[in-house]
C-alpha atoms as a PDB file:
ATOM      1  CA  UNK A   1       0.000   0.000   0.000  1.00  0.00           C
ATOM      2  CA  UNK A   2       1.508   3.293  -1.147  1.00  0.00           C
ATOM      3  CA  UNK A   3       0.458   6.470   0.693  1.00  0.00           C
ATOM      4  CA  UNK A   4       1.135  10.204   0.561  1.00  0.00           C
ATOM      5  CA  UNK A   5       0.648  13.197   2.893  1.00  0.00           C
ATOM      6  CA  UNK A   6       0.469  16.912   2.029  1.00  0.00           C
ATOM      7  CA  UNK A   7       0.703  20.105   4.091  1.00  0.00           C
ATOM      8  CA  UNK A   8       1.095  23.848   3.505  1.00  0.00           C
ATOM      9  CA  UNK A   9       3.986  25.568   5.287  1.00  0.00           C
ATOM     10  CA  UNK A  10       4.675  29.239   6.002  1.00  0.00           C
ATOM     11  CA  UNK A  11       7.289  30.279   8.594  1.00  0.00           C
ATOM     12  CA  UNK A  12       6.360  27.582  11.182  1.00  0.00           C
ATOM     13  CA  UNK A  13       9.430  25.399  11.531  1.00  0.00           C
ATOM     14  CA  UNK A  14       8.433  24.003  14.934  1.00  0.00           C
ATOM     15  CA  UNK A  15       5.005  22.871  13.718  1.00  0.00           C
ATOM     16  CA  UNK A  16       6.450  21.565  10.459  1.00  0.00           C
ATOM     17  CA  UNK A  17       8.916  19.383  12.369  1.00  0.00           C
ATOM     18  CA  UNK A  18       6.071  17.979  14.489  1.00  0.00           C
ATOM     19  CA  UNK A  19       4.020  17.342  11.339  1.00  0.00           C
ATOM     20  CA  UNK A  20       6.896  15.612   9.522  1.00  0.00           C
ATOM     21  CA  UNK A  21       7.789  13.489  12.543  1.00  0.00           C
ATOM     22  CA  UNK A  22       4.222  12.266  12.985  1.00  0.00           C
ATOM     23  CA  UNK A  23       3.097  11.696   9.406  1.00  0.00           C
ATOM     24  CA  UNK A  24       6.382  10.154   8.243  1.00  0.00           C
ATOM     25  CA  UNK A  25       5.541   7.161  10.466  1.00  0.00           C
ATOM     26  CA  UNK A  26       2.506   6.257   8.369  1.00  0.00           C
ATOM     27  CA  UNK A  27       2.942   7.766   4.888  1.00  0.00           C
ATOM     28  CA  UNK A  28       5.500   6.870   2.255  1.00  0.00           C
ATOM     29  CA  UNK A  29       5.732  10.218   0.447  1.00  0.00           C
ATOM     30  CA  UNK A  30       5.460  13.669   2.046  1.00  0.00           C
ATOM     31  CA  UNK A  31       4.824  16.942   0.185  1.00  0.00           C
ATOM     32  CA  UNK A  32       5.241  20.425   1.649  1.00  0.00           C
ATOM     33  CA  UNK A  33       3.702  23.413  -0.140  1.00  0.00           C
ATOM     34  CA  UNK A  34       5.990  26.345   0.698  1.00  0.00           C
ATOM     35  CA  UNK A  35       3.681  29.378   0.882  1.00  0.00           C
ATOM     36  CA  UNK A  36       4.403  33.098   1.337  1.00  0.00           C
ATOM     37  CA  UNK A  37       8.157  32.559   1.159  1.00  0.00           C
ATOM     38  CA  UNK A  38       8.981  34.781  -1.828  1.00  0.00           C
ATOM     39  CA  UNK A  39      12.231  36.568  -1.048  1.00  0.00           C
ATOM     40  CA  UNK A  40      13.184  34.005   1.614  1.00  0.00           C
ATOM     41  CA  UNK A  41      15.471  30.999   1.396  1.00  0.00           C
ATOM     42  CA  UNK A  42      12.994  28.127   1.796  1.00  0.00           C
ATOM     43  CA  UNK A  43      15.623  25.779   3.197  1.00  0.00           C
ATOM     44  CA  UNK A  44      16.739  28.375   5.779  1.00  0.00           C
ATOM     45  CA  UNK A  45      13.119  28.814   6.858  1.00  0.00           C
ATOM     46  CA  UNK A  46      12.868  25.065   7.351  1.00  0.00           C
ATOM     47  CA  UNK A  47      15.981  25.051   9.502  1.00  0.00           C
ATOM     48  CA  UNK A  48      17.572  21.927   8.046  1.00  0.00           C
ATOM     49  CA  UNK A  49      14.470  19.724   8.294  1.00  0.00           C
ATOM     50  CA  UNK A  50      15.089  18.607   4.715  1.00  0.00           C
ATOM     51  CA  UNK A  51      18.211  16.809   5.974  1.00  0.00           C
ATOM     52  CA  UNK A  52      16.307  15.079   8.794  1.00  0.00           C
ATOM     53  CA  UNK A  53      13.165  14.030   6.910  1.00  0.00           C
ATOM     54  CA  UNK A  54      12.467  12.974   3.354  1.00  0.00           C
ATOM     55  CA  UNK A  55       9.898  15.218   1.651  1.00  0.00           C
ATOM     56  CA  UNK A  56       9.360  17.180  -1.539  1.00  0.00           C
ATOM     57  CA  UNK A  57       9.011  20.970  -1.473  1.00  0.00           C
ATOM     58  CA  UNK A  58       6.445  22.493  -3.815  1.00  0.00           C
ATOM     59  CA  UNK A  59       6.497  26.250  -4.401  1.00  0.00           C
ATOM     60  CA  UNK A  60       3.086  27.815  -3.816  1.00  0.00           C
ATOM     61  CA  UNK A  61       1.236  31.131  -3.657  1.00  0.00           C
ATOM     62  CA  UNK A  62      -0.105  32.946  -0.599  1.00  0.00           C
ATOM     63  CA  UNK A  63      -1.439  30.355   1.821  1.00  0.00           C
ATOM     64  CA  UNK A  64      -5.081  31.473   1.538  1.00  0.00           C
ATOM     65  CA  UNK A  65      -5.086  32.233  -2.175  1.00  0.00           C
ATOM     66  CA  UNK A  66      -7.200  30.482  -4.806  1.00  0.00           C
ATOM     67  CA  UNK A  67      -3.974  29.376  -6.496  1.00  0.00           C
ATOM     68  CA  UNK A  68      -2.650  27.730  -3.312  1.00  0.00           C
ATOM     69  CA  UNK A  69      -5.919  25.859  -2.828  1.00  0.00           C
ATOM     70  CA  UNK A  70      -5.934  24.733  -6.446  1.00  0.00           C
ATOM     71  CA  UNK A  71      -2.376  23.441  -6.100  1.00  0.00           C
ATOM     72  CA  UNK A  72      -3.532  21.093  -3.330  1.00  0.00           C
ATOM     73  CA  UNK A  73      -6.526  19.889  -5.389  1.00  0.00           C
ATOM     74  CA  UNK A  74      -4.295  19.212  -8.385  1.00  0.00           C
ATOM     75  CA  UNK A  75      -1.589  17.442  -6.365  1.00  0.00           C
ATOM     76  CA  UNK A  76      -4.110  15.160  -4.677  1.00  0.00           C
ATOM     77  CA  UNK A  77      -5.520  14.155  -8.065  1.00  0.00           C
ATOM     78  CA  UNK A  78      -2.008  13.478  -9.384  1.00  0.00           C
ATOM     79  CA  UNK A  79      -0.962  11.425  -6.348  1.00  0.00           C
ATOM     80  CA  UNK A  80      -4.081   9.269  -6.417  1.00  0.00           C
ATOM     81  CA  UNK A  81      -2.941   7.832  -9.754  1.00  0.00           C
ATOM     82  CA  UNK A  82      -0.315   5.739  -7.971  1.00  0.00           C
ATOM     83  CA  UNK A  83      -1.094   6.067  -4.234  1.00  0.00           C
ATOM     84  CA  UNK A  84      -3.883   4.201  -2.490  1.00  0.00           C
ATOM     85  CA  UNK A  85      -4.398   6.880   0.161  1.00  0.00           C
ATOM     86  CA  UNK A  86      -3.633  10.617   0.231  1.00  0.00           C
ATOM     87  CA  UNK A  87      -4.076  12.877   3.249  1.00  0.00           C
ATOM     88  CA  UNK A  88      -4.076  16.672   3.385  1.00  0.00           C
ATOM     89  CA  UNK A  89      -4.017  18.540   6.708  1.00  0.00           C
ATOM     90  CA  UNK A  90      -3.058  21.968   7.954  1.00  0.00           C
ATOM     91  CA  UNK A  91       0.239  22.140   9.784  1.00  0.00           C
ATOM     92  CA  UNK A  92      -1.387  22.163  13.253  1.00  0.00           C
ATOM     93  CA  UNK A  93      -3.712  19.209  12.578  1.00  0.00           C
ATOM     94  CA  UNK A  94      -2.931  15.632  13.590  1.00  0.00           C
ATOM     95  CA  UNK A  95      -5.161  12.719  12.595  1.00  0.00           C
ATOM     96  CA  UNK A  96      -5.094   9.897  15.137  1.00  0.00           C
ATOM     97  CA  UNK A  97      -7.210   6.714  15.065  1.00  0.00           C
ATOM     98  CA  UNK A  98      -9.332   5.578  18.002  1.00  0.00           C
ATOM     99  CA  UNK A  99      -8.135   2.700  20.161  1.00  0.00           C
ATOM    100  CA  UNK A 100      -9.847   0.268  17.768  1.00  0.00           C
ATOM    101  CA  UNK A 101      -6.772   0.615  15.527  1.00  0.00           C
ATOM    102  CA  UNK A 102      -3.094   0.214  16.350  1.00  0.00           C
ATOM    103  CA  UNK A 103      -2.178   3.270  14.277  1.00  0.00           C
ATOM    104  CA  UNK A 104      -3.129   5.303  11.226  1.00  0.00           C
ATOM    105  CA  UNK A 105      -1.550   2.797   8.865  1.00  0.00           C
ATOM    106  CA  UNK A 106      -3.732   0.024  10.236  1.00  0.00           C
ATOM    107  CA  UNK A 107      -6.809   2.217   9.792  1.00  0.00           C
ATOM    108  CA  UNK A 108      -5.982   2.727   6.113  1.00  0.00           C
ATOM    109  CA  UNK A 109      -5.329  -0.979   5.606  1.00  0.00           C
ATOM    110  CA  UNK A 110      -8.653  -2.034   7.131  1.00  0.00           C
ATOM    111  CA  UNK A 111     -11.282   0.608   6.424  1.00  0.00           C
ATOM    112  CA  UNK A 112     -13.624   0.100   3.481  1.00  0.00           C
ATOM    113  CA  UNK A 113     -14.330   3.804   3.146  1.00  0.00           C
ATOM    114  CA  UNK A 114     -13.190   5.756   0.132  1.00  0.00           C
ATOM    115  CA  UNK A 115     -13.155   9.044   2.023  1.00  0.00           C
ATOM    116  CA  UNK A 116     -12.498   9.261   5.764  1.00  0.00           C
ATOM    117  CA  UNK A 117     -13.865  12.065   7.915  1.00  0.00           C
ATOM    118  CA  UNK A 118     -12.566  12.946  11.374  1.00  0.00           C
ATOM    119  CA  UNK A 119     -14.071  13.911  14.708  1.00  0.00           C
ATOM    120  CA  UNK A 120     -12.572  17.308  15.538  1.00  0.00           C
ATOM    121  CA  UNK A 121     -11.085  18.028  18.966  1.00  0.00           C
ATOM    122  CA  UNK A 122      -9.449  21.187  20.334  1.00  0.00           C
ATOM    123  CA  UNK A 123      -6.618  20.841  22.856  1.00  0.00           C
ATOM    124  CA  UNK A 124      -6.316  23.647  25.419  1.00  0.00           C
ATOM    125  CA  UNK A 125      -4.327  24.704  28.481  1.00  0.00           C
ATOM    126  CA  UNK A 126      -6.017  23.554  31.679  1.00  0.00           C
ATOM    127  CA  UNK A 127      -5.976  25.261  35.050  1.00  0.00           C
ATOM    128  CA  UNK A 128      -2.505  25.131  36.595  1.00  0.00           C
ATOM    129  CA  UNK A 129      -0.817  23.929  33.399  1.00  0.00           C
ATOM    130  CA  UNK A 130       2.238  25.721  31.988  1.00  0.00           C
ATOM    131  CA  UNK A 131       2.966  26.822  28.449  1.00  0.00           C
ATOM    132  CA  UNK A 132       4.061  23.918  26.287  1.00  0.00           C
ATOM    133  CA  UNK A 133       7.747  23.071  26.457  1.00  0.00           C
ATOM    134  CA  UNK A 134       8.364  21.907  22.888  1.00  0.00           C
ATOM    135  CA  UNK A 135      11.745  20.509  23.890  1.00  0.00           C
ATOM    136  CA  UNK A 136      10.007  17.758  25.856  1.00  0.00           C
ATOM    137  CA  UNK A 137       7.936  15.647  23.451  1.00  0.00           C
ATOM    138  CA  UNK A 138       5.411  14.127  23.316  1.00  0.00           C
ATOM    139  CA  UNK A 139       3.903  17.536  23.962  1.00  0.00           C
ATOM    140  CA  UNK A 140       0.379  16.231  24.628  1.00  0.00           C
ATOM    141  CA  UNK A 141       1.736  14.636  27.805  1.00  0.00           C
ATOM    142  CA  UNK A 142       1.711  18.250  29.048  1.00  0.00           C
ATOM    143  CA  UNK A 143      -2.060  18.576  28.491  1.00  0.00           C
ATOM    144  CA  UNK A 144      -4.871  16.646  30.193  1.00  0.00           C
ATOM    145  CA  UNK A 145      -7.992  17.912  28.447  1.00  0.00           C
ATOM    146  CA  UNK A 146      -9.601  18.635  25.106  1.00  0.00           C
ATOM    147  CA  UNK A 147     -13.135  19.315  23.908  1.00  0.00           C
ATOM    148  CA  UNK A 148     -15.182  18.111  20.960  1.00  0.00           C
ATOM    149  CA  UNK A 149     -15.693  20.777  18.297  1.00  0.00           C
ATOM    150  CA  UNK A 150     -19.499  20.850  18.141  1.00  0.00           C
ATOM    151  CA  UNK A 151     -19.476  23.330  15.242  1.00  0.00           C
ATOM    152  CA  UNK A 152     -18.214  20.585  12.943  1.00  0.00           C
ATOM    153  CA  UNK A 153     -15.439  22.832  11.642  1.00  0.00           C
ATOM    154  CA  UNK A 154     -12.788  20.180  12.258  1.00  0.00           C
ATOM    155  CA  UNK A 155     -14.825  17.116  11.276  1.00  0.00           C
ATOM    156  CA  UNK A 156     -12.792  17.316   8.115  1.00  0.00           C
ATOM    157  CA  UNK A 157     -12.603  14.957   5.088  1.00  0.00           C
ATOM    158  CA  UNK A 158      -8.811  14.832   5.073  1.00  0.00           C
ATOM    159  CA  UNK A 159      -7.970  11.227   4.166  1.00  0.00           C
ATOM    160  CA  UNK A 160      -9.068   9.882   0.813  1.00  0.00           C
ATOM    161  CA  UNK A 161      -8.543   7.335  -1.919  1.00  0.00           C
ATOM    162  CA  UNK A 162     -10.781   9.250  -4.340  1.00  0.00           C
ATOM    163  CA  UNK A 163     -10.596  12.814  -5.603  1.00  0.00           C
ATOM    164  CA  UNK A 164     -11.963  15.200  -2.964  1.00  0.00           C
ATOM    165  CA  UNK A 165     -14.415  17.907  -4.008  1.00  0.00           C
ATOM    166  CA  UNK A 166     -13.432  20.126  -1.092  1.00  0.00           C
ATOM    167  CA  UNK A 167     -15.002  23.491  -0.500  1.00  0.00           C
ATOM    168  CA  UNK A 168     -12.520  26.362  -0.054  1.00  0.00           C
ATOM    169  CA  UNK A 169     -10.678  25.803   3.224  1.00  0.00           C
ATOM    170  CA  UNK A 170     -10.819  21.977   3.036  1.00  0.00           C
ATOM    171  CA  UNK A 171     -13.269  21.746   5.969  1.00  0.00           C
ATOM    172  CA  UNK A 172     -16.062  19.989   4.073  1.00  0.00           C
ATOM    173  CA  UNK A 173     -17.091  18.738   0.645  1.00  0.00           C
ATOM    174  CA  UNK A 174     -18.998  20.915  -1.807  1.00  0.00           C
ATOM    175  CA  UNK A 175     -22.204  18.892  -1.500  1.00  0.00           C
ATOM    176  CA  UNK A 176     -22.277  19.157   2.319  1.00  0.00           C
ATOM    177  CA  UNK A 177     -24.145  21.706   4.415  1.00  0.00           C
ATOM    178  CA  UNK A 178     -22.852  23.038   7.741  1.00  0.00           C
ATOM    179  CA  UNK A 179     -25.441  20.829   9.462  1.00  0.00           C
ATOM    180  CA  UNK A 180     -24.101  17.764   7.652  1.00  0.00           C
ATOM    181  CA  UNK A 181     -20.633  18.310   9.080  1.00  0.00           C
ATOM    182  CA  UNK A 182     -21.918  18.848  12.611  1.00  0.00           C
ATOM    183  CA  UNK A 183     -23.562  15.405  12.517  1.00  0.00           C
ATOM    184  CA  UNK A 184     -20.380  13.495  11.650  1.00  0.00           C
ATOM    185  CA  UNK A 185     -19.582  11.080  14.486  1.00  0.00           C
ATOM    186  CA  UNK A 186     -17.883   7.765  15.287  1.00  0.00           C
ATOM    187  CA  UNK A 187     -15.546   7.865  12.320  1.00  0.00           C
ATOM    188  CA  UNK A 188     -12.678   6.073  14.068  1.00  0.00           C
ATOM    189  CA  UNK A 189     -10.413   9.100  13.523  1.00  0.00           C
ATOM    190  CA  UNK A 190      -9.702  12.054  15.796  1.00  0.00           C
ATOM    191  CA  UNK A 191      -8.690  15.390  14.259  1.00  0.00           C
ATOM    192  CA  UNK A 192      -6.478  16.874  16.988  1.00  0.00           C
ATOM    193  CA  UNK A 193      -6.177  20.628  16.449  1.00  0.00           C
ATOM    194  CA  UNK A 194      -3.299  22.335  18.273  1.00  0.00           C
ATOM    195  CA  UNK A 195      -4.037  25.992  17.491  1.00  0.00           C
ATOM    196  CA  UNK A 196      -5.290  26.686  21.034  1.00  0.00           C
ATOM    197  CA  UNK A 197      -2.926  24.404  22.929  1.00  0.00           C
ATOM    198  CA  UNK A 198      -1.526  27.340  24.967  1.00  0.00           C
ATOM    199  CA  UNK A 199      -4.884  29.109  25.436  1.00  0.00           C
ATOM    200  CA  UNK A 200      -6.462  28.813  28.898  1.00  0.00           C
ATOM    201  CA  UNK A 201      -9.470  30.991  28.012  1.00  0.00           C
ATOM    202  CA  UNK A 202     -10.835  28.079  25.975  1.00  0.00           C
ATOM    203  CA  UNK A 203     -11.550  26.177  29.213  1.00  0.00           C
ATOM    204  CA  UNK A 204     -13.816  28.940  30.505  1.00  0.00           C
ATOM    205  CA  UNK A 205     -15.748  29.096  27.252  1.00  0.00           C
ATOM    206  CA  UNK A 206     -16.195  25.324  26.895  1.00  0.00           C
ATOM    207  CA  UNK A 207     -16.096  23.914  30.447  1.00  0.00           C
ATOM    208  CA  UNK A 208     -19.176  21.733  29.877  1.00  0.00           C
ATOM    209  CA  UNK A 209     -17.488  20.048  26.892  1.00  0.00           C
ATOM    210  CA  UNK A 210     -14.206  19.294  28.639  1.00  0.00           C
ATOM    211  CA  UNK A 211     -13.053  15.687  28.332  1.00  0.00           C
ATOM    212  CA  UNK A 212      -9.834  13.940  29.286  1.00  0.00           C
ATOM    213  CA  UNK A 213      -7.513  13.221  26.355  1.00  0.00           C
ATOM    214  CA  UNK A 214      -7.164   9.423  25.887  1.00  0.00           C
ATOM    215  CA  UNK A 215      -3.767   8.111  26.958  1.00  0.00           C
ATOM    216  CA  UNK A 216      -2.981   6.643  23.533  1.00  0.00           C
ATOM    217  CA  UNK A 217      -3.507  10.065  21.935  1.00  0.00           C
ATOM    218  CA  UNK A 218      -1.363  11.881  24.491  1.00  0.00           C
ATOM    219  CA  UNK A 219       1.564   9.563  23.784  1.00  0.00           C
ATOM    220  CA  UNK A 220       1.700  10.203  20.026  1.00  0.00           C
ATOM    221  CA  UNK A 221       2.346  13.923  19.456  1.00  0.00           C
END
């Protein structure tokens, strides 16, 4: 089974290293769209990660431009010609299977789905917790709680073996309504979003949704 993973990168070496370290365990070929780096040395911005991990750099436009989105659509279609599975995530998104599966590779080997959605979860800083020390991985060992994203924003269709008709932003497919995405559940995949990992205001806003992060998830990132 041949697999590929794609991500867009713009001046976030720390997150890129986390992304490469995680997805290189389960995917054969990695592709990094280098966005908003005109006038910069791409390899300097990546801080030598190209020597530590094997991936292909693809020059791209501004990260939120139509051209940058189209580049992802086109690359997925190209890769699906000779890869069984292709995943696209943002740089702060980590797809982790439920305890039913040993790892993401096993999920891909056993699921009968052609397109796999996720159940989105936001990780946040709990009361008494410190800012993340990125020098002490796995970093989720430093967080106890997350909450389910009830808006459906991160119930994303990221993993596919067919061409994805994503809407702009990659959060849903064109034929899906916002209500459709909210109803996605029990997919076997968590979408762990790290954008708010050092934000303790999230706890106050979502205290009724707070849940403990499963041990197997905390040990992976």
